[in-house]
PDB file of N, CA and C in Angstrom:
ATOM      1  N   MET A   1    -119.729   5.518 -17.386  1.00  0.00           N
ATOM      2  CA  MET A   1    -120.591   4.516 -17.067  1.00  0.00           C
ATOM      3  C   MET A   1    -119.899   3.185 -16.836  1.00  0.00           C
ATOM      4  N   ASN A   2    -120.250   2.524 -15.778  1.00  0.00           N
ATOM      5  CA  ASN A   2    -119.643   1.314 -15.244  1.00  0.00           C
ATOM      6  C   ASN A   2    -120.516   0.048 -15.853  1.00  0.00           C
ATOM      7  N   ASN A   3    -120.271  -0.488 -16.964  1.00  0.00           N
ATOM      8  CA  ASN A   3    -121.031  -1.554 -17.572  1.00  0.00           C
ATOM      9  C   ASN A   3    -121.090  -2.789 -16.776  1.00  0.00           C
ATOM     10  N   GLU A   4    -120.032  -2.960 -15.984  1.00  0.00           N
ATOM     11  CA  GLU A   4    -119.921  -4.186 -15.098  1.00  0.00           C
ATOM     12  C   GLU A   4    -120.992  -4.033 -13.939  1.00  0.00           C
ATOM     13  N   ARG A   5    -121.033  -2.806 -13.354  1.00  0.00           N
ATOM     14  CA  ARG A   5    -121.989  -2.464 -12.202  1.00  0.00           C
ATOM     15  C   ARG A   5    -123.444  -2.462 -12.803  1.00  0.00           C
ATOM     16  N   LEU A   6    -123.636  -2.123 -14.041  1.00  0.00           N
ATOM     17  CA  LEU A   6    -125.008  -2.120 -14.584  1.00  0.00           C
ATOM     18  C   LEU A   6    -125.599  -3.469 -14.891  1.00  0.00           C
ATOM     19  N   LYS A   7    -124.585  -4.548 -14.861  1.00  0.00           N
ATOM     20  CA  LYS A   7    -125.078  -5.849 -14.990  1.00  0.00           C
ATOM     21  C   LYS A   7    -125.884  -6.320 -13.879  1.00  0.00           C
ATOM     22  N   ARG A   8    -125.729  -5.669 -12.739  1.00  0.00           N
ATOM     23  CA  ARG A   8    -126.613  -6.027 -11.519  1.00  0.00           C
ATOM     24  C   ARG A   8    -128.096  -5.719 -11.762  1.00  0.00           C
ATOM     25  N   ILE A   9    -128.448  -4.913 -12.793  1.00  0.00           N
ATOM     26  CA  ILE A   9    -129.718  -4.515 -13.046  1.00  0.00           C
ATOM     27  C   ILE A   9    -130.331  -5.533 -14.065  1.00  0.00           C
ATOM     28  N   THR A  10    -131.415  -6.230 -13.560  1.00  0.00           N
ATOM     29  CA  THR A  10    -132.103  -7.203 -14.402  1.00  0.00           C
ATOM     30  C   THR A  10    -133.597  -6.755 -14.655  1.00  0.00           C
ATOM     31  N   VAL A  11    -134.030  -7.260 -15.752  1.00  0.00           N
ATOM     32  CA  VAL A  11    -135.454  -7.067 -16.150  1.00  0.00           C
ATOM     33  C   VAL A  11    -135.916  -8.488 -16.468  1.00  0.00           C
ATOM     34  N   GLU A  12    -137.029  -8.994 -15.833  1.00  0.00           N
ATOM     35  CA  GLU A  12    -137.551 -10.281 -16.211  1.00  0.00           C
ATOM     36  C   GLU A  12    -138.913 -10.155 -16.254  1.00  0.00           C
ATOM     37  N   GLU A  13    -139.494 -10.721 -17.411  1.00  0.00           N
ATOM     38  CA  GLU A  13    -140.942 -10.764 -17.618  1.00  0.00           C
ATOM     39  C   GLU A  13    -141.707 -11.541 -16.503  1.00  0.00           C
ATOM     40  N   GLY A  14    -142.735 -10.864 -15.981  1.00  0.00           N
ATOM     41  CA  GLY A  14    -143.421 -11.444 -14.829  1.00  0.00           C
ATOM     42  C   GLY A  14    -142.811 -11.205 -13.534  1.00  0.00           C
ATOM     43  N   LYS A  15    -141.769 -10.564 -13.399  1.00  0.00           N
ATOM     44  CA  LYS A  15    -141.100 -10.189 -11.979  1.00  0.00           C
ATOM     45  C   LYS A  15    -141.318  -8.681 -11.762  1.00  0.00           C
ATOM     46  N   CYS A  16    -141.981  -8.314 -10.880  1.00  0.00           N
ATOM     47  CA  CYS A  16    -142.162  -6.846 -10.552  1.00  0.00           C
ATOM     48  C   CYS A  16    -142.660  -6.056 -11.804  1.00  0.00           C
ATOM     49  N   GLY A  17    -143.529  -6.667 -12.491  1.00  0.00           N
ATOM     50  CA  GLY A  17    -144.146  -6.095 -13.618  1.00  0.00           C
ATOM     51  C   GLY A  17    -143.115  -5.682 -14.752  1.00  0.00           C
ATOM     52  N   GLY A  18    -142.161  -6.446 -14.875  1.00  0.00           N
ATOM     53  CA  GLY A  18    -141.101  -6.218 -15.878  1.00  0.00           C
ATOM     54  C   GLY A  18    -140.238  -5.005 -15.580  1.00  0.00           C
ATOM     55  N   ARG A  19    -140.314  -4.418 -14.433  1.00  0.00           N
ATOM     56  CA  ARG A  19    -139.525  -3.227 -14.128  1.00  0.00           C
ATOM     57  C   ARG A  19    -138.052  -3.670 -13.690  1.00  0.00           C
ATOM     58  N   PRO A  20    -137.180  -2.759 -13.836  1.00  0.00           N
ATOM     59  CA  PRO A  20    -135.762  -3.040 -13.358  1.00  0.00           C
ATOM     60  C   PRO A  20    -135.681  -3.382 -12.079  1.00  0.00           C
ATOM     61  N   CYS A  21    -134.977  -4.507 -11.762  1.00  0.00           N
ATOM     62  CA  CYS A  21    -134.700  -4.931 -10.300  1.00  0.00           C
ATOM     63  C   CYS A  21    -133.219  -5.153 -10.137  1.00  0.00           C
ATOM     64  N   LEU A  22    -132.861  -5.474  -8.933  1.00  0.00           N
ATOM     65  CA  LEU A  22    -131.419  -5.641  -8.561  1.00  0.00           C
ATOM     66  C   LEU A  22    -131.179  -7.249  -8.455  1.00  0.00           C
ATOM     67  N   ARG A  23    -130.277  -7.726  -9.386  1.00  0.00           N
ATOM     68  CA  ARG A  23    -129.759  -8.946  -9.320  1.00  0.00           C
ATOM     69  C   ARG A  23    -130.771 -10.137  -9.334  1.00  0.00           C
ATOM     70  N   GLY A  24    -131.900  -9.890  -9.948  1.00  0.00           N
ATOM     71  CA  GLY A  24    -133.106 -10.907  -9.920  1.00  0.00           C
ATOM     72  C   GLY A  24    -133.882 -10.992  -8.777  1.00  0.00           C
ATOM     73  N   PHE A  25    -133.531 -10.146  -7.701  1.00  0.00           N
ATOM     74  CA  PHE A  25    -134.302 -10.131  -6.597  1.00  0.00           C
ATOM     75  C   PHE A  25    -135.653  -9.182  -6.806  1.00  0.00           C
ATOM     76  N   ARG A  26    -136.602  -9.474  -6.025  1.00  0.00           N
ATOM     77  CA  ARG A  26    -137.863  -8.793  -6.112  1.00  0.00           C
ATOM     78  C   ARG A  26    -137.801  -7.337  -5.403  1.00  0.00           C
ATOM     79  N   ILE A  27    -136.772  -6.667  -5.647  1.00  0.00           N
ATOM     80  CA  ILE A  27    -136.525  -5.275  -5.224  1.00  0.00           C
ATOM     81  C   ILE A  27    -136.264  -4.419  -6.462  1.00  0.00           C
ATOM     82  N   ARG A  28    -137.173  -3.477  -6.656  1.00  0.00           N
ATOM     83  CA  ARG A  28    -136.987  -2.707  -7.931  1.00  0.00           C
ATOM     84  C   ARG A  28    -135.898  -1.518  -7.753  1.00  0.00           C
ATOM     85  N   VAL A  29    -135.297  -1.175  -8.780  1.00  0.00           N
ATOM     86  CA  VAL A  29    -134.458   0.041  -8.705  1.00  0.00           C
ATOM     87  C   VAL A  29    -135.096   1.197  -8.099  1.00  0.00           C
ATOM     88  N   SER A  30    -136.400   1.387  -8.469  1.00  0.00           N
ATOM     89  CA  SER A  30    -137.205   2.592  -7.914  1.00  0.00           C
ATOM     90  C   SER A  30    -137.358   2.341  -6.370  1.00  0.00           C
ATOM     91  N   ASP A  31    -137.442   1.236  -5.960  1.00  0.00           N
ATOM     92  CA  ASP A  31    -137.649   1.138  -4.444  1.00  0.00           C
ATOM     93  C   ASP A  31    -136.451   1.551  -3.739  1.00  0.00           C
ATOM     94  N   VAL A  32    -135.273   1.290  -4.233  1.00  0.00           N
ATOM     95  CA  VAL A  32    -133.965   1.759  -3.669  1.00  0.00           C
ATOM     96  C   VAL A  32    -133.896   3.198  -3.717  1.00  0.00           C
ATOM     97  N   LEU A  33    -134.188   3.825  -4.995  1.00  0.00           N
ATOM     98  CA  LEU A  33    -134.051   5.115  -5.199  1.00  0.00           C
ATOM     99  C   LEU A  33    -135.071   5.867  -4.292  1.00  0.00           C
ATOM    100  N   GLU A  34    -136.183   5.418  -4.107  1.00  0.00           N
ATOM    101  CA  GLU A  34    -137.167   6.105  -3.208  1.00  0.00           C
ATOM    102  C   GLU A  34    -136.770   6.038  -1.749  1.00  0.00           C
ATOM    103  N   LEU A  35    -136.042   4.918  -1.286  1.00  0.00           N
ATOM    104  CA  LEU A  35    -135.494   4.938  -0.023  1.00  0.00           C
ATOM    105  C   LEU A  35    -134.532   5.954   0.206  1.00  0.00           C
ATOM    106  N   LEU A  36    -133.568   6.085  -0.790  1.00  0.00           N
ATOM    107  CA  LEU A  36    -132.538   7.084  -0.785  1.00  0.00           C
ATOM    108  C   LEU A  36    -133.092   8.453  -0.835  1.00  0.00           C
ATOM    109  N   ALA A  37    -134.001   8.728  -1.588  1.00  0.00           N
ATOM    110  CA  ALA A  37    -134.688  10.066  -1.611  1.00  0.00           C
ATOM    111  C   ALA A  37    -135.483  10.476  -0.276  1.00  0.00           C
ATOM    112  N   ALA A  38    -135.849   9.392   0.344  1.00  0.00           N
ATOM    113  CA  ALA A  38    -136.522   9.662   1.710  1.00  0.00           C
ATOM    114  C   ALA A  38    -135.492   9.930   2.824  1.00  0.00           C
ATOM    115  N   GLY A  39    -134.210   9.795   2.403  1.00  0.00           N
ATOM    116  CA  GLY A  39    -133.156   9.978   3.532  1.00  0.00           C
ATOM    117  C   GLY A  39    -132.536   8.777   4.105  1.00  0.00           C
ATOM    118  N   ALA A  40    -132.781   7.645   3.570  1.00  0.00           N
ATOM    119  CA  ALA A  40    -132.159   6.488   4.149  1.00  0.00           C
ATOM    120  C   ALA A  40    -130.751   6.315   3.655  1.00  0.00           C
ATOM    121  N   SER A  41    -129.856   5.930   4.633  1.00  0.00           N
ATOM    122  CA  SER A  41    -128.480   5.774   4.278  1.00  0.00           C
ATOM    123  C   SER A  41    -128.299   4.424   3.626  1.00  0.00           C
ATOM    124  N   HIS A  42    -127.072   4.199   3.032  1.00  0.00           N
ATOM    125  CA  HIS A  42    -126.775   3.013   2.531  1.00  0.00           C
ATOM    126  C   HIS A  42    -126.856   1.919   3.571  1.00  0.00           C
ATOM    127  N   GLU A  43    -126.248   2.199   4.668  1.00  0.00           N
ATOM    128  CA  GLU A  43    -126.144   1.166   5.838  1.00  0.00           C
ATOM    129  C   GLU A  43    -127.677   0.854   6.213  1.00  0.00           C
ATOM    130  N   GLU A  44    -128.536   1.796   6.220  1.00  0.00           N
ATOM    131  CA  GLU A  44    -129.979   1.497   6.660  1.00  0.00           C
ATOM    132  C   GLU A  44    -130.649   0.496   5.548  1.00  0.00           C
ATOM    133  N   ILE A  45    -130.353   0.779   4.291  1.00  0.00           N
ATOM    134  CA  ILE A  45    -130.939  -0.061   3.287  1.00  0.00           C
ATOM    135  C   ILE A  45    -130.447  -1.411   3.295  1.00  0.00           C
ATOM    136  N   LEU A  46    -129.078  -1.456   3.540  1.00  0.00           N
ATOM    137  CA  LEU A  46    -128.314  -2.786   3.549  1.00  0.00           C
ATOM    138  C   LEU A  46    -128.884  -3.679   4.850  1.00  0.00           C
ATOM    139  N   THR A  47    -129.202  -2.927   5.821  1.00  0.00           N
ATOM    140  CA  THR A  47    -129.690  -3.675   7.028  1.00  0.00           C
ATOM    141  C   THR A  47    -131.198  -4.162   6.816  1.00  0.00           C
ATOM    142  N   GLN A  48    -131.904  -3.268   6.236  1.00  0.00           N
ATOM    143  CA  GLN A  48    -133.331  -3.667   5.823  1.00  0.00           C
ATOM    144  C   GLN A  48    -133.403  -4.683   4.784  1.00  0.00           C
ATOM    145  N   TYR A  49    -132.393  -4.812   3.912  1.00  0.00           N
ATOM    146  CA  TYR A  49    -132.458  -5.837   2.786  1.00  0.00           C
ATOM    147  C   TYR A  49    -131.038  -6.494   2.834  1.00  0.00           C
ATOM    148  N   PRO A  50    -130.864  -7.410   3.676  1.00  0.00           N
ATOM    149  CA  PRO A  50    -129.507  -8.051   3.874  1.00  0.00           C
ATOM    150  C   PRO A  50    -129.035  -8.669   2.581  1.00  0.00           C
ATOM    151  N   PHE A  51    -129.792  -9.113   1.705  1.00  0.00           N
ATOM    152  CA  PHE A  51    -129.344  -9.766   0.494  1.00  0.00           C
ATOM    153  C   PHE A  51    -128.805  -8.696  -0.584  1.00  0.00           C
ATOM    154  N   LEU A  52    -128.968  -7.408  -0.344  1.00  0.00           N
ATOM    155  CA  LEU A  52    -128.332  -6.553  -1.144  1.00  0.00           C
ATOM    156  C   LEU A  52    -126.860  -6.127  -0.834  1.00  0.00           C
ATOM    157  N   GLU A  53    -126.103  -5.649  -1.720  1.00  0.00           N
ATOM    158  CA  GLU A  53    -124.682  -5.219  -1.472  1.00  0.00           C
ATOM    159  C   GLU A  53    -124.703  -3.692  -1.790  1.00  0.00           C
ATOM    160  N   ASN A  54    -123.598  -3.199  -1.311  1.00  0.00           N
ATOM    161  CA  ASN A  54    -123.417  -1.598  -1.638  1.00  0.00           C
ATOM    162  C   ASN A  54    -123.422  -1.431  -3.034  1.00  0.00           C
ATOM    163  N   GLU A  55    -122.796  -2.368  -3.812  1.00  0.00           N
ATOM    164  CA  GLU A  55    -122.657  -2.154  -5.128  1.00  0.00           C
ATOM    165  C   GLU A  55    -124.048  -2.184  -5.915  1.00  0.00           C
ATOM    166  N   ASP A  56    -125.065  -2.711  -5.359  1.00  0.00           N
ATOM    167  CA  ASP A  56    -126.423  -2.784  -5.882  1.00  0.00           C
ATOM    168  C   ASP A  56    -127.035  -1.339  -5.831  1.00  0.00           C
ATOM    169  N   ILE A  57    -126.792  -0.774  -4.656  1.00  0.00           N
ATOM    170  CA  ILE A  57    -127.205   0.663  -4.478  1.00  0.00           C
ATOM    171  C   ILE A  57    -126.657   1.480  -5.504  1.00  0.00           C
ATOM    172  N   LEU A  58    -125.352   1.381  -5.591  1.00  0.00           N
ATOM    173  CA  LEU A  58    -124.634   2.277  -6.647  1.00  0.00           C
ATOM    174  C   LEU A  58    -125.050   2.047  -8.060  1.00  0.00           C
ATOM    175  N   ALA A  59    -125.403   0.703  -8.307  1.00  0.00           N
ATOM    176  CA  ALA A  59    -125.941   0.384  -9.581  1.00  0.00           C
ATOM    177  C   ALA A  59    -127.342   0.951  -9.841  1.00  0.00           C
ATOM    178  N   ALA A  60    -128.132   1.009  -8.792  1.00  0.00           N
ATOM    179  CA  ALA A  60    -129.415   1.712  -8.987  1.00  0.00           C
ATOM    180  C   ALA A  60    -129.280   3.124  -9.347  1.00  0.00           C
ATOM    181  N   ILE A  61    -128.428   3.799  -8.572  1.00  0.00           N
ATOM    182  CA  ILE A  61    -128.104   5.266  -8.777  1.00  0.00           C
ATOM    183  C   ILE A  61    -127.510   5.439 -10.199  1.00  0.00           C
ATOM    184  N   GLU A  62    -126.620   4.726 -10.563  1.00  0.00           N
ATOM    185  CA  GLU A  62    -126.025   4.844 -11.922  1.00  0.00           C
ATOM    186  C   GLU A  62    -127.073   4.549 -13.111  1.00  0.00           C
ATOM    187  N   TYR A  63    -127.862   3.573 -12.895  1.00  0.00           N
ATOM    188  CA  TYR A  63    -129.020   3.222 -13.778  1.00  0.00           C
ATOM    189  C   TYR A  63    -129.910   4.389 -14.083  1.00  0.00           C
ATOM    190  N   ALA A  64    -130.376   4.999 -12.866  1.00  0.00           N
ATOM    191  CA  ALA A  64    -131.145   6.054 -13.001  1.00  0.00           C
ATOM    192  C   ALA A  64    -130.616   7.255 -13.654  1.00  0.00           C
ATOM    193  N   ALA A  65    -129.383   7.415 -13.306  1.00  0.00           N
ATOM    194  CA  ALA A  65    -128.617   8.709 -14.090  1.00  0.00           C
ATOM    195  C   ALA A  65    -128.543   8.400 -15.576  1.00  0.00           C
ATOM    196  N   HIS A  66    -128.251   7.262 -15.903  1.00  0.00           N
ATOM    197  CA  HIS A  66    -128.009   6.847 -17.343  1.00  0.00           C
ATOM    198  C   HIS A  66    -129.563   6.930 -18.027  1.00  0.00           C
ATOM    199  N   GLN A  67    -130.547   6.637 -17.304  1.00  0.00           N
ATOM    200  CA  GLN A  67    -131.970   6.782 -17.951  1.00  0.00           C
ATOM    201  C   GLN A  67    -132.428   8.166 -18.054  1.00  0.00           C
ATOM    202  N   ALA A  68    -131.883   9.063 -17.214  1.00  0.00           N
ATOM    203  CA  ALA A  68    -132.325  10.423 -17.256  1.00  0.00           C
ATOM    204  C   ALA A  68    -131.458  11.123 -18.346  1.00  0.00           C
ATOM    205  N   ASP A  69    -130.425  10.689 -18.631  1.00  0.00           N
ATOM    206  CA  ASP A  69    -129.609  11.444 -19.614  1.00  0.00           C
ATOM    207  C   ASP A  69    -129.899  11.236 -21.098  1.00  0.00           C
ATOM    208  N   HIS A  70    -130.857  12.120 -21.501  1.00  0.00           N
ATOM    209  CA  HIS A  70    -131.354  12.066 -22.921  1.00  0.00           C
ATOM    210  C   HIS A  70    -131.564  13.673 -23.270  1.00  0.00           C
ATOM    211  N   ALA A  71    -131.330  13.842 -24.534  1.00  0.00           N
ATOM    212  CA  ALA A  71    -131.562  15.126 -25.085  1.00  0.00           C
ATOM    213  C   ALA A  71    -133.030  15.589 -25.125  1.00  0.00           C
ATOM    214  N   VAL A  72    -133.295  16.711 -24.726  1.00  0.00           N
ATOM    215  CA  VAL A  72    -134.575  17.396 -24.763  1.00  0.00           C
ATOM    216  C   VAL A  72    -134.642  18.392 -25.863  1.00  0.00           C
ATOM    217  N   LEU A  73    -135.467  18.120 -26.821  1.00  0.00           N
ATOM    218  CA  LEU A  73    -135.654  19.040 -27.940  1.00  0.00           C
ATOM    219  C   LEU A  73    -136.659  20.063 -27.727  1.00  0.00           C
ATOM    220  N   ARG A  74    -136.349  21.359 -27.924  1.00  0.00           N
ATOM    221  CA  ARG A  74    -137.331  22.274 -27.907  1.00  0.00           C
ATOM    222  C   ARG A  74    -137.984  22.547 -29.296  1.00  0.00           C
ATOM    223  N   SER A  75    -139.367  22.752 -29.217  1.00  0.00           N
ATOM    224  CA  SER A  75    -139.966  23.105 -30.421  1.00  0.00           C
ATOM    225  C   SER A  75    -139.782  24.508 -30.867  1.00  0.00           C
ATOM    226  N   SER A  76    -139.782  24.734 -32.172  1.00  0.00           N
ATOM    227  CA  SER A  76    -139.495  26.177 -32.533  1.00  0.00           C
ATOM    228  C   SER A  76    -140.847  26.957 -33.018  1.00  0.00           C
TER     229      SER A  76
END
């Protein structure tokens, strides 16, 4: 986990419903992930959102991976 990269993820009350965003901008981590899932390349995202940097996209991916990494307990 790259803690320095994850500092790019911000959560602010009143901005995007308190959801994780990139560097205080009004673009959510989930927006970037949805673009990637739809097949957009890093270059396409950076062209569409010129205020973003490639490290922001990588931060969104890393943040999602970290959020998804939790133990699942089975009931017996």
